[in-house]
Amino acid sequence: MAVTRYERKEVAVADEDAPQGVLLSGEANVAVRIKLEREARGWSTNALSDRLNEAGFEMNPSAVWRIENGKRRINLDEAIGFAEVFGIDLRNLVGPPQLAAQARAMELIDAVVDAFRETQHANAAYTQARDALDAYLAEHPDIREEADVMVSKAMAEASAKHLLKAYGPPTAAHHGEADTSDEA
């Protein structure tokens, strides 16, 4: 089902008062964001158009106004141009305007999402490697116990190294020893 220009405008207007984090469609986000970025810099549509043209992205002031007001769609090359002129990441430009205006929030959100994706890939790789080892050990049961001990030991060492790197060496409190520094 195609969304008409009128319906897109309705979505953008309806979401202006929406709580932070509400996702609009990418184009509605871009339209709102372009206007926010332009106004934050005190630029007119003419000034933004000039900057886009200087950067090699041909656009007249009327097109900027029409994009900002949902009267004209924006293509990918134009979105890249706006992101370049504003000095922001393209993902930031298409994100929810309330969050995207806070560049640090978007960087941190991207970092969390990237780390989650890496975790998913790592979990899949671990599962695949473990399944391959289990299949091999099913064919060679005589070495299962020794192999399981080796895997457990290597994982414990890797875990200890990670904890040491992340949190530093253990303190007396971590070893269950009483803190006697205040005793006389």
N, C-alpha and C. Protein backbone atom coordinates (compact mmCIF):
# COMPACT_ATOMS: atom_id res chain seq x y z
N MET A 1 0.84 -1.18 0.00
CA MET A 1 0.00 0.00 0.00
C MET A 1 0.89 1.24 0.00
N ALA A 2 0.73 2.09 -0.97
CA ALA A 2 1.55 3.30 -1.08
C ALA A 2 1.04 4.38 -0.14
N VAL A 3 1.96 5.13 0.40
CA VAL A 3 1.62 6.25 1.29
C VAL A 3 1.65 7.51 0.45
N THR A 4 0.58 8.26 0.50
CA THR A 4 0.53 9.50 -0.28
C THR A 4 1.31 10.59 0.43
N ARG A 5 1.61 11.65 -0.31
CA ARG A 5 2.31 12.78 0.30
C ARG A 5 1.52 13.33 1.47
N TYR A 6 0.21 13.39 1.31
CA TYR A 6 -0.64 13.92 2.38
C TYR A 6 -0.51 13.06 3.63
N GLU A 7 -0.53 11.73 3.45
CA GLU A 7 -0.41 10.83 4.60
C GLU A 7 0.96 10.95 5.25
N ARG A 8 2.03 11.10 4.45
CA ARG A 8 3.37 11.27 5.01
C ARG A 8 3.41 12.53 5.85
N LYS A 9 2.81 13.61 5.34
CA LYS A 9 2.81 14.87 6.08
C LYS A 9 2.05 14.68 7.39
N GLU A 10 0.94 13.97 7.33
CA GLU A 10 0.16 13.73 8.55
C GLU A 10 1.00 12.99 9.59
N VAL A 11 1.78 12.00 9.15
CA VAL A 11 2.63 11.24 10.06
C VAL A 11 3.65 12.17 10.71
N ALA A 12 4.30 13.00 9.89
CA ALA A 12 5.32 13.90 10.42
C ALA A 12 4.71 14.88 11.40
N VAL A 13 3.55 15.45 11.08
CA VAL A 13 2.90 16.42 11.96
C VAL A 13 2.43 15.74 13.23
N ALA A 14 1.85 14.56 13.09
CA ALA A 14 1.34 13.86 14.27
C ALA A 14 2.45 13.50 15.22
N ASP A 15 3.65 13.25 14.71
CA ASP A 15 4.75 12.80 15.55
C ASP A 15 5.59 13.94 16.11
N GLU A 16 5.28 15.20 15.75
CA GLU A 16 6.06 16.30 16.29
C GLU A 16 5.95 16.35 17.81
N ASP A 17 4.80 15.95 18.35
CA ASP A 17 4.60 15.96 19.80
C ASP A 17 4.82 14.59 20.42
N ALA A 18 5.29 13.63 19.62
CA ALA A 18 5.50 12.27 20.11
C ALA A 18 6.66 12.25 21.10
N PRO A 19 6.64 11.29 22.03
CA PRO A 19 7.74 11.20 22.98
C PRO A 19 9.05 10.86 22.28
N GLN A 20 10.16 11.15 22.93
CA GLN A 20 11.46 10.85 22.35
C GLN A 20 11.57 9.37 22.05
N GLY A 21 12.26 9.07 20.97
CA GLY A 21 12.50 7.67 20.64
C GLY A 21 11.46 7.07 19.73
N VAL A 22 10.34 7.77 19.48
CA VAL A 22 9.33 7.22 18.59
C VAL A 22 9.88 7.27 17.17
N LEU A 23 9.86 6.15 16.50
CA LEU A 23 10.44 6.08 15.17
C LEU A 23 9.43 6.54 14.13
N LEU A 24 9.80 7.55 13.37
CA LEU A 24 9.04 7.95 12.20
C LEU A 24 9.61 7.15 11.04
N SER A 25 9.03 7.31 9.87
CA SER A 25 9.66 6.69 8.72
C SER A 25 10.93 7.44 8.40
N GLY A 26 11.85 6.82 7.68
CA GLY A 26 13.13 7.44 7.36
C GLY A 26 12.99 8.79 6.69
N GLU A 27 12.09 8.90 5.71
CA GLU A 27 11.93 10.17 5.00
C GLU A 27 11.38 11.26 5.92
N ALA A 28 10.42 10.91 6.76
CA ALA A 28 9.88 11.91 7.69
C ALA A 28 10.96 12.35 8.66
N ASN A 29 11.78 11.40 9.12
CA ASN A 29 12.90 11.75 10.01
C ASN A 29 13.84 12.73 9.33
N VAL A 30 14.18 12.43 8.08
CA VAL A 30 15.13 13.27 7.34
C VAL A 30 14.56 14.67 7.17
N ALA A 31 13.29 14.77 6.80
CA ALA A 31 12.67 16.08 6.58
C ALA A 31 12.72 16.93 7.85
N VAL A 32 12.34 16.32 8.96
CA VAL A 32 12.36 17.05 10.24
C VAL A 32 13.79 17.40 10.61
N ARG A 33 14.68 16.44 10.44
CA ARG A 33 16.07 16.65 10.83
C ARG A 33 16.75 17.74 10.01
N ILE A 34 16.50 17.77 8.71
CA ILE A 34 17.10 18.80 7.85
C ILE A 34 16.69 20.18 8.35
N LYS A 35 15.42 20.33 8.64
CA LYS A 35 14.93 21.63 9.11
C LYS A 35 15.57 21.98 10.46
N LEU A 36 15.64 21.01 11.37
CA LEU A 36 16.26 21.25 12.68
C LEU A 36 17.72 21.66 12.53
N GLU A 37 18.46 20.92 11.70
CA GLU A 37 19.89 21.22 11.52
C GLU A 37 20.09 22.59 10.86
N ARG A 38 19.26 22.88 9.87
CA ARG A 38 19.38 24.17 9.17
C ARG A 38 19.09 25.31 10.13
N GLU A 39 18.01 25.20 10.89
CA GLU A 39 17.63 26.25 11.83
C GLU A 39 18.65 26.39 12.96
N ALA A 40 19.21 25.27 13.43
CA ALA A 40 20.20 25.32 14.51
C ALA A 40 21.44 26.10 14.09
N ARG A 41 21.73 26.08 12.80
CA ARG A 41 22.89 26.80 12.28
C ARG A 41 22.54 28.23 11.85
N GLY A 42 21.25 28.56 11.91
CA GLY A 42 20.82 29.90 11.51
C GLY A 42 20.88 30.10 10.01
N TRP A 43 20.79 29.01 9.24
CA TRP A 43 20.87 29.10 7.80
C TRP A 43 19.48 29.23 7.20
N SER A 44 19.37 29.97 6.14
CA SER A 44 18.13 30.03 5.36
C SER A 44 18.14 28.86 4.39
N THR A 45 17.03 28.62 3.73
CA THR A 45 17.02 27.57 2.71
C THR A 45 17.98 27.95 1.58
N ASN A 46 18.13 29.26 1.32
CA ASN A 46 19.10 29.71 0.30
C ASN A 46 20.54 29.35 0.72
N ALA A 47 20.87 29.61 1.99
CA ALA A 47 22.22 29.33 2.48
C ALA A 47 22.51 27.83 2.42
N LEU A 48 21.52 27.02 2.81
CA LEU A 48 21.72 25.56 2.76
C LEU A 48 21.87 25.11 1.31
N SER A 49 21.04 25.65 0.43
CA SER A 49 21.15 25.32 -0.98
C SER A 49 22.54 25.67 -1.52
N ASP A 50 23.05 26.84 -1.15
CA ASP A 50 24.39 27.25 -1.59
C ASP A 50 25.44 26.26 -1.12
N ARG A 51 25.35 25.85 0.14
CA ARG A 51 26.34 24.92 0.69
C ARG A 51 26.26 23.55 -0.01
N LEU A 52 25.04 23.10 -0.28
CA LEU A 52 24.87 21.83 -1.01
C LEU A 52 25.49 21.93 -2.40
N ASN A 53 25.24 23.02 -3.08
CA ASN A 53 25.78 23.21 -4.44
C ASN A 53 27.31 23.27 -4.41
N GLU A 54 27.87 23.96 -3.41
CA GLU A 54 29.33 24.04 -3.28
C GLU A 54 29.95 22.67 -3.04
N ALA A 55 29.19 21.80 -2.35
CA ALA A 55 29.68 20.45 -2.05
C ALA A 55 29.43 19.47 -3.21
N GLY A 56 28.82 19.98 -4.30
CA GLY A 56 28.59 19.13 -5.46
C GLY A 56 27.24 18.45 -5.50
N PHE A 57 26.32 18.87 -4.65
CA PHE A 57 24.97 18.30 -4.61
C PHE A 57 24.00 19.38 -5.05
N GLU A 58 23.66 19.37 -6.33
CA GLU A 58 22.82 20.42 -6.91
C GLU A 58 21.42 20.42 -6.30
N MET A 59 21.05 21.56 -5.71
CA MET A 59 19.70 21.69 -5.15
C MET A 59 19.38 23.16 -5.00
N ASN A 60 18.16 23.53 -5.40
CA ASN A 60 17.76 24.92 -5.25
C ASN A 60 17.01 25.11 -3.93
N PRO A 61 16.88 26.35 -3.46
CA PRO A 61 16.22 26.61 -2.17
C PRO A 61 14.79 26.09 -2.11
N SER A 62 14.09 26.14 -3.22
CA SER A 62 12.71 25.64 -3.25
C SER A 62 12.66 24.14 -2.96
N ALA A 63 13.62 23.40 -3.49
CA ALA A 63 13.67 21.95 -3.25
C ALA A 63 13.95 21.68 -1.77
N VAL A 64 14.83 22.46 -1.15
CA VAL A 64 15.10 22.30 0.28
C VAL A 64 13.82 22.50 1.07
N TRP A 65 13.09 23.58 0.76
CA TRP A 65 11.84 23.89 1.47
C TRP A 65 10.83 22.76 1.28
N ARG A 66 10.70 22.26 0.03
CA ARG A 66 9.73 21.20 -0.25
C ARG A 66 10.09 19.91 0.48
N ILE A 67 11.37 19.59 0.57
CA ILE A 67 11.79 18.40 1.31
C ILE A 67 11.46 18.56 2.79
N GLU A 68 11.82 19.70 3.35
CA GLU A 68 11.56 19.95 4.78
C GLU A 68 10.07 19.88 5.12
N ASN A 69 9.23 20.23 4.18
CA ASN A 69 7.80 20.29 4.44
C ASN A 69 7.02 19.10 3.88
N GLY A 70 7.73 18.04 3.51
CA GLY A 70 7.07 16.82 3.06
C GLY A 70 6.40 16.92 1.71
N LYS A 71 6.76 17.92 0.93
CA LYS A 71 6.15 18.11 -0.40
C LYS A 71 6.97 17.44 -1.49
N ARG A 72 8.17 16.99 -1.14
CA ARG A 72 9.07 16.38 -2.12
C ARG A 72 9.87 15.29 -1.43
N ARG A 73 10.00 14.17 -2.11
CA ARG A 73 10.81 13.08 -1.57
C ARG A 73 12.28 13.42 -1.72
N ILE A 74 13.08 12.80 -0.91
CA ILE A 74 14.53 12.99 -0.98
C ILE A 74 15.16 11.69 -1.46
N ASN A 75 16.11 11.79 -2.38
CA ASN A 75 16.77 10.56 -2.82
C ASN A 75 18.05 10.35 -1.99
N LEU A 76 18.64 9.19 -2.16
CA LEU A 76 19.81 8.82 -1.35
C LEU A 76 20.97 9.77 -1.55
N ASP A 77 21.25 10.15 -2.80
CA ASP A 77 22.37 11.07 -3.05
C ASP A 77 22.14 12.40 -2.34
N GLU A 78 20.91 12.88 -2.36
CA GLU A 78 20.60 14.14 -1.68
C GLU A 78 20.77 13.99 -0.16
N ALA A 79 20.32 12.87 0.39
CA ALA A 79 20.48 12.63 1.82
C ALA A 79 21.96 12.62 2.20
N ILE A 80 22.77 11.99 1.37
CA ILE A 80 24.22 11.97 1.60
C ILE A 80 24.76 13.40 1.58
N GLY A 81 24.28 14.21 0.64
CA GLY A 81 24.70 15.61 0.56
C GLY A 81 24.35 16.39 1.81
N PHE A 82 23.12 16.24 2.29
CA PHE A 82 22.72 16.94 3.51
C PHE A 82 23.59 16.51 4.69
N ALA A 83 23.81 15.19 4.82
CA ALA A 83 24.63 14.68 5.92
C ALA A 83 26.04 15.27 5.84
N GLU A 84 26.60 15.32 4.63
CA GLU A 84 27.95 15.87 4.45
C GLU A 84 27.99 17.35 4.82
N VAL A 85 27.03 18.12 4.33
CA VAL A 85 27.01 19.56 4.59
C VAL A 85 26.83 19.83 6.09
N PHE A 86 26.01 19.02 6.76
CA PHE A 86 25.79 19.21 8.20
C PHE A 86 26.91 18.59 9.03
N GLY A 87 27.75 17.75 8.40
CA GLY A 87 28.83 17.11 9.13
C GLY A 87 28.35 16.04 10.09
N ILE A 88 27.31 15.31 9.68
CA ILE A 88 26.78 14.25 10.53
C ILE A 88 26.74 12.95 9.73
N ASP A 89 26.67 11.84 10.44
CA ASP A 89 26.58 10.52 9.82
C ASP A 89 25.21 10.36 9.18
N LEU A 90 25.16 9.66 8.06
CA LEU A 90 23.89 9.44 7.36
C LEU A 90 22.89 8.72 8.26
N ARG A 91 23.34 7.74 9.04
CA ARG A 91 22.42 7.03 9.96
C ARG A 91 21.84 8.00 10.97
N ASN A 92 22.64 8.97 11.37
CA ASN A 92 22.18 9.98 12.31
C ASN A 92 21.10 10.85 11.66
N LEU A 93 21.28 11.16 10.39
CA LEU A 93 20.31 12.00 9.67
C LEU A 93 18.95 11.34 9.58
N VAL A 94 18.91 10.03 9.40
CA VAL A 94 17.63 9.34 9.23
C VAL A 94 17.04 8.83 10.54
N GLY A 95 17.76 8.99 11.64
CA GLY A 95 17.26 8.54 12.94
C GLY A 95 16.17 9.44 13.48
N PRO A 96 15.52 9.02 14.55
CA PRO A 96 14.47 9.84 15.16
C PRO A 96 15.02 11.22 15.51
N PRO A 97 14.39 12.28 15.05
CA PRO A 97 14.92 13.63 15.26
C PRO A 97 15.22 13.98 16.72
N GLN A 98 14.37 13.53 17.64
CA GLN A 98 14.59 13.86 19.05
C GLN A 98 15.89 13.26 19.57
N LEU A 99 16.23 12.07 19.09
CA LEU A 99 17.49 11.44 19.50
C LEU A 99 18.64 11.90 18.63
N ALA A 100 18.38 12.01 17.34
CA ALA A 100 19.44 12.32 16.40
C ALA A 100 20.05 13.70 16.67
N ALA A 101 19.26 14.62 17.20
CA ALA A 101 19.78 15.95 17.51
C ALA A 101 20.84 15.86 18.60
N GLN A 102 20.84 14.78 19.34
CA GLN A 102 21.86 14.54 20.36
C GLN A 102 22.88 13.56 19.77
N ALA A 103 23.86 14.10 19.09
CA ALA A 103 24.82 13.26 18.36
C ALA A 103 25.47 12.21 19.25
N ARG A 104 25.81 12.56 20.48
CA ARG A 104 26.45 11.60 21.39
C ARG A 104 25.52 10.44 21.70
N ALA A 105 24.23 10.73 21.85
CA ALA A 105 23.27 9.65 22.09
C ALA A 105 23.25 8.70 20.91
N MET A 106 23.26 9.24 19.70
CA MET A 106 23.25 8.39 18.51
C MET A 106 24.53 7.56 18.42
N GLU A 107 25.68 8.16 18.76
CA GLU A 107 26.94 7.41 18.75
C GLU A 107 26.87 6.25 19.73
N LEU A 108 26.35 6.51 20.92
CA LEU A 108 26.27 5.46 21.94
C LEU A 108 25.26 4.39 21.55
N ILE A 109 24.14 4.80 20.97
CA ILE A 109 23.14 3.84 20.50
C ILE A 109 23.76 2.96 19.43
N ASP A 110 24.47 3.58 18.48
CA ASP A 110 25.15 2.81 17.43
C ASP A 110 26.15 1.84 18.03
N ALA A 111 26.89 2.27 19.04
CA ALA A 111 27.88 1.40 19.68
C ALA A 111 27.21 0.20 20.34
N VAL A 112 26.08 0.44 21.01
CA VAL A 112 25.35 -0.66 21.66
C VAL A 112 24.83 -1.63 20.61
N VAL A 113 24.23 -1.11 19.55
CA VAL A 113 23.69 -1.97 18.49
C VAL A 113 24.82 -2.75 17.81
N ASP A 114 25.94 -2.09 17.52
CA ASP A 114 27.08 -2.77 16.91
C ASP A 114 27.62 -3.87 17.82
N ALA A 115 27.73 -3.58 19.11
CA ALA A 115 28.22 -4.58 20.06
C ALA A 115 27.25 -5.76 20.15
N PHE A 116 25.96 -5.47 20.12
CA PHE A 116 24.96 -6.54 20.14
C PHE A 116 25.11 -7.43 18.91
N ARG A 117 25.28 -6.80 17.74
CA ARG A 117 25.46 -7.58 16.50
C ARG A 117 26.72 -8.44 16.59
N GLU A 118 27.81 -7.88 17.11
CA GLU A 118 29.04 -8.64 17.27
C GLU A 118 28.82 -9.83 18.21
N THR A 119 28.05 -9.59 19.27
CA THR A 119 27.74 -10.66 20.22
C THR A 119 26.94 -11.76 19.54
N GLN A 120 25.98 -11.37 18.72
CA GLN A 120 25.18 -12.36 18.00
C GLN A 120 26.06 -13.20 17.06
N HIS A 121 26.96 -12.52 16.34
CA HIS A 121 27.87 -13.24 15.45
C HIS A 121 28.80 -14.16 16.24
N ALA A 122 29.31 -13.66 17.36
CA ALA A 122 30.20 -14.47 18.20
C ALA A 122 29.46 -15.68 18.76
N ASN A 123 28.22 -15.48 19.21
CA ASN A 123 27.43 -16.60 19.73
C ASN A 123 27.18 -17.65 18.64
N ALA A 124 26.90 -17.19 17.44
CA ALA A 124 26.68 -18.13 16.33
C ALA A 124 27.97 -18.89 16.01
N ALA A 125 29.09 -18.19 16.01
CA ALA A 125 30.38 -18.84 15.74
C ALA A 125 30.71 -19.85 16.84
N TYR A 126 30.45 -19.48 18.10
CA TYR A 126 30.70 -20.39 19.22
C TYR A 126 29.83 -21.64 19.10
N THR A 127 28.56 -21.45 18.80
CA THR A 127 27.64 -22.58 18.67
C THR A 127 28.09 -23.50 17.54
N GLN A 128 28.49 -22.92 16.42
CA GLN A 128 28.95 -23.71 15.28
C GLN A 128 30.22 -24.50 15.64
N ALA A 129 31.16 -23.83 16.31
CA ALA A 129 32.41 -24.50 16.70
C ALA A 129 32.13 -25.60 17.73
N ARG A 130 31.27 -25.31 18.69
CA ARG A 130 30.94 -26.30 19.73
C ARG A 130 30.24 -27.51 19.11
N ASP A 131 29.32 -27.24 18.18
CA ASP A 131 28.61 -28.34 17.51
C ASP A 131 29.58 -29.21 16.71
N ALA A 132 30.55 -28.57 16.04
CA ALA A 132 31.54 -29.33 15.27
C ALA A 132 32.38 -30.19 16.20
N LEU A 133 32.80 -29.62 17.34
CA LEU A 133 33.59 -30.39 18.30
C LEU A 133 32.76 -31.54 18.87
N ASP A 134 31.52 -31.28 19.23
CA ASP A 134 30.66 -32.33 19.77
C ASP A 134 30.45 -33.46 18.77
N ALA A 135 30.29 -33.09 17.50
CA ALA A 135 30.11 -34.12 16.46
C ALA A 135 31.38 -34.97 16.34
N TYR A 136 32.54 -34.32 16.40
CA TYR A 136 33.80 -35.04 16.32
C TYR A 136 33.97 -35.95 17.53
N LEU A 137 33.65 -35.42 18.70
CA LEU A 137 33.83 -36.21 19.93
C LEU A 137 32.83 -37.37 20.01
N ALA A 138 31.69 -37.24 19.36
CA ALA A 138 30.73 -38.35 19.31
C ALA A 138 31.34 -39.52 18.54
N GLU A 139 32.19 -39.20 17.56
CA GLU A 139 32.87 -40.24 16.79
C GLU A 139 34.14 -40.75 17.50
N HIS A 140 34.64 -39.97 18.47
CA HIS A 140 35.85 -40.32 19.20
C HIS A 140 35.61 -40.16 20.70
N PRO A 141 34.75 -40.99 21.28
CA PRO A 141 34.39 -40.85 22.70
C PRO A 141 35.56 -41.05 23.66
N ASP A 142 36.61 -41.71 23.21
CA ASP A 142 37.75 -41.97 24.08
C ASP A 142 38.52 -40.70 24.45
N ILE A 143 38.35 -39.62 23.71
CA ILE A 143 39.06 -38.37 24.03
C ILE A 143 38.13 -37.27 24.55
N ARG A 144 36.83 -37.59 24.70
CA ARG A 144 35.86 -36.57 25.11
C ARG A 144 36.24 -35.90 26.42
N GLU A 145 36.55 -36.67 27.44
CA GLU A 145 36.83 -36.10 28.76
C GLU A 145 38.02 -35.15 28.70
N GLU A 146 39.10 -35.57 28.05
CA GLU A 146 40.29 -34.73 27.95
C GLU A 146 39.99 -33.45 27.14
N ALA A 147 39.25 -33.60 26.05
CA ALA A 147 38.89 -32.44 25.22
C ALA A 147 38.02 -31.47 26.01
N ASP A 148 37.04 -31.98 26.75
CA ASP A 148 36.16 -31.10 27.54
C ASP A 148 36.95 -30.35 28.62
N VAL A 149 37.93 -31.01 29.23
CA VAL A 149 38.78 -30.36 30.23
C VAL A 149 39.59 -29.25 29.57
N MET A 150 40.15 -29.52 28.39
CA MET A 150 40.94 -28.51 27.67
C MET A 150 40.09 -27.29 27.33
N VAL A 151 38.87 -27.53 26.83
CA VAL A 151 37.98 -26.42 26.47
C VAL A 151 37.63 -25.61 27.70
N SER A 152 37.26 -26.30 28.78
CA SER A 152 36.88 -25.60 30.02
C SER A 152 38.03 -24.77 30.56
N LYS A 153 39.23 -25.34 30.54
CA LYS A 153 40.42 -24.65 31.04
C LYS A 153 40.72 -23.41 30.19
N ALA A 154 40.68 -23.56 28.87
CA ALA A 154 40.97 -22.44 27.98
C ALA A 154 39.93 -21.34 28.15
N MET A 155 38.67 -21.72 28.31
CA MET A 155 37.62 -20.71 28.49
C MET A 155 37.77 -20.00 29.84
N ALA A 156 38.16 -20.72 30.87
CA ALA A 156 38.38 -20.11 32.18
C ALA A 156 39.54 -19.12 32.12
N GLU A 157 40.62 -19.49 31.43
CA GLU A 157 41.77 -18.58 31.29
C GLU A 157 41.39 -17.33 30.51
N ALA A 158 40.64 -17.51 29.42
CA ALA A 158 40.21 -16.35 28.62
C ALA A 158 39.31 -15.45 29.45
N SER A 159 38.44 -16.05 30.23
CA SER A 159 37.53 -15.28 31.09
C SER A 159 38.32 -14.51 32.15
N ALA A 160 39.30 -15.15 32.75
CA ALA A 160 40.11 -14.48 33.78
C ALA A 160 40.89 -13.32 33.17
N LYS A 161 41.45 -13.51 31.97
CA LYS A 161 42.18 -12.41 31.30
C LYS A 161 41.24 -11.25 31.01
N HIS A 162 40.04 -11.56 30.55
CA HIS A 162 39.06 -10.52 30.25
C HIS A 162 38.70 -9.74 31.52
N LEU A 163 38.45 -10.45 32.60
CA LEU A 163 38.09 -9.79 33.87
C LEU A 163 39.23 -8.93 34.38
N LEU A 164 40.46 -9.43 34.25
CA LEU A 164 41.63 -8.67 34.68
C LEU A 164 41.76 -7.39 33.86
N LYS A 165 41.57 -7.51 32.56
CA LYS A 165 41.66 -6.34 31.68
C LYS A 165 40.54 -5.35 31.97
N ALA A 166 39.33 -5.86 32.18
CA ALA A 166 38.16 -4.99 32.38
C ALA A 166 38.13 -4.36 33.77
N TYR A 167 38.52 -5.10 34.79
CA TYR A 167 38.34 -4.62 36.16
C TYR A 167 39.62 -4.50 36.98
N GLY A 168 40.74 -4.88 36.41
CA GLY A 168 41.99 -4.80 37.14
C GLY A 168 42.17 -6.00 38.05
N PRO A 169 43.31 -6.00 38.77
CA PRO A 169 43.57 -7.15 39.65
C PRO A 169 42.58 -7.20 40.79
N PRO A 170 42.33 -8.41 41.28
CA PRO A 170 41.38 -8.55 42.39
C PRO A 170 41.92 -7.88 43.66
N THR A 171 40.99 -7.35 44.44
CA THR A 171 41.35 -6.75 45.73
C THR A 171 41.07 -7.77 46.82
N ALA A 172 41.44 -7.43 48.06
CA ALA A 172 41.20 -8.33 49.19
C ALA A 172 39.72 -8.64 49.33
N ALA A 173 38.87 -7.65 49.07
CA ALA A 173 37.43 -7.85 49.19
C ALA A 173 36.93 -8.88 48.18
N HIS A 174 37.58 -8.95 47.00
CA HIS A 174 37.17 -9.92 46.00
C HIS A 174 37.53 -11.35 46.41
N HIS A 175 38.50 -11.50 47.28
CA HIS A 175 38.92 -12.83 47.71
C HIS A 175 38.23 -13.26 48.99
N GLY A 176 37.30 -12.46 49.50
CA GLY A 176 36.59 -12.81 50.71
C GLY A 176 37.37 -12.53 51.97
N GLU A 177 38.50 -11.83 51.84
CA GLU A 177 39.29 -11.49 53.01
C GLU A 177 38.71 -10.26 53.67
N ALA A 178 38.79 -10.20 54.97
CA ALA A 178 38.26 -9.06 55.71
C ALA A 178 39.17 -7.86 55.48
N ASP A 179 38.58 -6.70 55.41
CA ASP A 179 39.34 -5.45 55.28
C ASP A 179 39.72 -5.02 56.67
N THR A 180 41.00 -5.07 56.98
CA THR A 180 41.47 -4.75 58.33
C THR A 180 42.13 -3.39 58.40
N SER A 181 41.97 -2.55 57.37
CA SER A 181 42.67 -1.27 57.34
C SER A 181 42.16 -0.31 58.41
N ASP A 182 40.92 -0.45 58.91
CA ASP A 182 40.38 0.46 59.91
C ASP A 182 40.57 -0.06 61.33
N GLU A 183 41.07 -1.29 61.45
CA GLU A 183 41.20 -1.86 62.79
C GLU A 183 42.45 -1.32 63.45
N ALA A 184 42.41 -1.14 64.79
CA ALA A 184 43.55 -0.62 65.53
C ALA A 184 44.44 -1.70 66.03
